[in-house]
């Protein structure tokens, strides 16, 4: 069984989270600058068996895609061209940044560390992945 990789793609930074090989636990992996995502993915896919990639897809409250799709859609297109055999799913990421921020408060993360956007992006990717894992439990 391979890992599931979650990507919270942003115009400046990309938050990444991953499951363990048994797909039980979601863990923050890292945050990389957006321009470094392709070399990062190539290296990661060489080292780890990944079964599925989840990409956060921002929607508005009315269920319409947010304006962030203007840079997420080109990323999705290039991903599918670069890794045509890798399964990829889009996950609704509404409120993931707000949940990430609240999670850090609840965990006692210092205010200065909560202001680090890279940390928020990584925690957001973890929340997206954990939501997927929780939903998967109900499908069994």
Protein backbone atom coordinates (compact mmCIF):
# COMPACT_ATOMS: atom_id res chain seq x y z
CA UNK A 1 0.00 0.00 0.00
CA UNK A 2 1.40 3.40 -0.92
CA UNK A 3 1.17 6.76 0.75
CA UNK A 4 -1.36 9.48 -0.01
CA UNK A 5 0.18 12.90 -0.66
CA UNK A 6 -1.85 16.04 -0.05
CA UNK A 7 -0.99 19.32 -1.77
CA UNK A 8 -2.23 22.74 -0.71
CA UNK A 9 -1.07 24.63 -3.79
CA UNK A 10 -0.60 28.36 -3.46
CA UNK A 11 0.77 31.01 -5.75
CA UNK A 12 3.81 31.52 -3.49
CA UNK A 13 4.02 28.39 -1.31
CA UNK A 14 2.90 24.78 -1.48
CA UNK A 15 1.96 22.95 1.70
CA UNK A 16 2.45 19.19 1.65
CA UNK A 17 1.21 16.42 3.93
CA UNK A 18 1.45 12.66 3.65
CA UNK A 19 0.07 9.51 5.20
CA UNK A 20 2.07 6.66 6.61
CA UNK A 21 2.33 3.64 4.26
CA UNK A 22 -0.79 2.08 5.85
CA UNK A 23 -2.77 5.30 5.20
CA UNK A 24 -3.80 5.71 8.84
CA UNK A 25 -2.13 8.93 9.97
CA UNK A 26 -1.87 12.29 8.17
CA UNK A 27 1.34 14.18 8.91
CA UNK A 28 2.61 17.57 7.77
CA UNK A 29 5.50 16.92 5.39
CA UNK A 30 6.85 20.37 4.50
CA UNK A 31 6.17 23.63 2.70
CA UNK A 32 8.12 24.52 -0.43
CA UNK A 33 8.17 27.64 -2.60
CA UNK A 34 5.79 27.20 -5.56
CA UNK A 35 8.66 27.41 -8.06
CA UNK A 36 10.33 24.41 -6.38
CA UNK A 37 7.34 22.05 -6.40
CA UNK A 38 8.29 20.13 -9.56
CA UNK A 39 11.82 19.14 -8.45
CA UNK A 40 10.42 18.35 -4.98
CA UNK A 41 7.73 16.05 -6.42
CA UNK A 42 10.20 14.28 -8.74
CA UNK A 43 12.52 13.58 -5.81
CA UNK A 44 9.69 12.52 -3.50
CA UNK A 45 8.13 10.16 -6.04
CA UNK A 46 11.57 8.59 -6.62
CA UNK A 47 11.96 7.89 -2.89
CA UNK A 48 8.42 7.00 -1.82
CA UNK A 49 5.58 4.88 -3.15
CA UNK A 50 2.61 7.22 -3.56
CA UNK A 51 -0.76 5.72 -4.39
CA UNK A 52 -2.84 8.89 -4.65
CA UNK A 53 -2.34 12.66 -4.73
CA UNK A 54 -4.97 15.00 -3.27
CA UNK A 55 -4.98 18.64 -4.32
CA UNK A 56 -6.91 21.23 -2.37
CA UNK A 57 -9.40 22.93 -4.66
CA UNK A 58 -10.80 26.19 -3.28
CA UNK A 59 -14.50 26.82 -3.55
CA UNK A 60 -16.68 29.67 -2.42
CA UNK A 61 -19.66 29.23 -0.13
CA UNK A 62 -21.96 29.02 -3.19
CA UNK A 63 -19.93 25.97 -4.37
CA UNK A 64 -18.37 27.89 -7.25
CA UNK A 65 -14.58 27.71 -7.66
CA UNK A 66 -12.73 30.64 -6.09
CA UNK A 67 -10.48 32.92 -8.10
CA UNK A 68 -7.44 30.92 -6.92
CA UNK A 69 -8.25 28.37 -9.62
CA UNK A 70 -6.40 30.57 -12.11
CA UNK A 71 -3.11 29.18 -10.77
CA UNK A 72 -4.36 25.82 -9.45
CA UNK A 73 -5.84 24.66 -12.77
CA UNK A 74 -2.51 25.11 -14.64
CA UNK A 75 -0.79 23.17 -11.83
CA UNK A 76 -3.34 20.34 -12.17
CA UNK A 77 -2.91 20.29 -15.95
CA UNK A 78 0.88 20.09 -15.73
CA UNK A 79 0.67 17.44 -13.00
CA UNK A 80 -1.55 15.23 -15.17
CA UNK A 81 0.82 15.69 -18.12
CA UNK A 82 3.94 15.02 -16.04
CA UNK A 83 2.51 12.08 -14.05
CA UNK A 84 -0.24 10.60 -16.27
CA UNK A 85 -0.34 7.32 -14.31
CA UNK A 86 -0.62 8.92 -10.88
CA UNK A 87 -4.20 9.08 -9.56
CA UNK A 88 -5.10 12.62 -8.52
CA UNK A 89 -8.23 13.96 -6.82
CA UNK A 90 -9.37 17.46 -6.05
CA UNK A 91 -10.56 18.05 -2.49
CA UNK A 92 -12.73 20.91 -1.33
CA UNK A 93 -10.43 23.03 0.82
CA UNK A 94 -12.92 25.58 2.08
CA UNK A 95 -11.93 26.83 5.51
CA UNK A 96 -8.73 24.72 5.64
CA UNK A 97 -6.57 27.78 6.35
CA UNK A 98 -8.93 28.97 9.08
CA UNK A 99 -9.01 25.46 10.57
CA UNK A 100 -5.22 25.28 10.37
CA UNK A 101 -4.89 28.56 12.24
CA UNK A 102 -7.38 27.46 14.92
CA UNK A 103 -5.65 24.08 15.23
CA UNK A 104 -2.36 25.84 15.90
CA UNK A 105 -4.00 28.01 18.57
CA UNK A 106 -5.55 24.94 20.19
CA UNK A 107 -2.17 23.18 20.12
CA UNK A 108 -0.54 26.09 21.93
CA UNK A 109 1.63 27.25 19.03
CA UNK A 110 3.15 30.64 19.84
CA UNK A 111 1.72 33.69 18.09
CA UNK A 112 4.98 34.36 16.24
CA UNK A 113 5.00 30.81 14.84
CA UNK A 114 1.31 31.06 13.86
CA UNK A 115 2.18 34.05 11.66
CA UNK A 116 4.44 31.85 9.51
CA UNK A 117 2.38 31.34 6.33
CA UNK A 118 4.43 28.26 5.42
CA UNK A 119 3.37 26.55 8.63
CA UNK A 120 -0.28 27.38 7.93
CA UNK A 121 0.02 25.95 4.39
CA UNK A 122 1.52 22.71 5.72
CA UNK A 123 -1.14 22.36 8.40
CA UNK A 124 -3.82 23.09 5.77
CA UNK A 125 -2.50 20.25 3.61
CA UNK A 126 -2.67 17.99 6.67
CA UNK A 127 -6.28 19.00 7.35
CA UNK A 128 -7.23 18.30 3.72
CA UNK A 129 -5.61 14.87 3.97
CA UNK A 130 -7.17 14.08 7.36
CA UNK A 131 -10.60 15.04 5.98
CA UNK A 132 -10.08 12.61 3.11
CA UNK A 133 -9.04 9.81 5.49
CA UNK A 134 -12.07 10.46 7.73
CA UNK A 135 -14.41 10.38 4.73
CA UNK A 136 -12.80 7.16 3.50
CA UNK A 137 -13.72 5.45 6.80
CA UNK A 138 -17.42 5.93 6.05
CA UNK A 139 -17.10 4.38 2.59
CA UNK A 140 -15.91 1.04 3.93
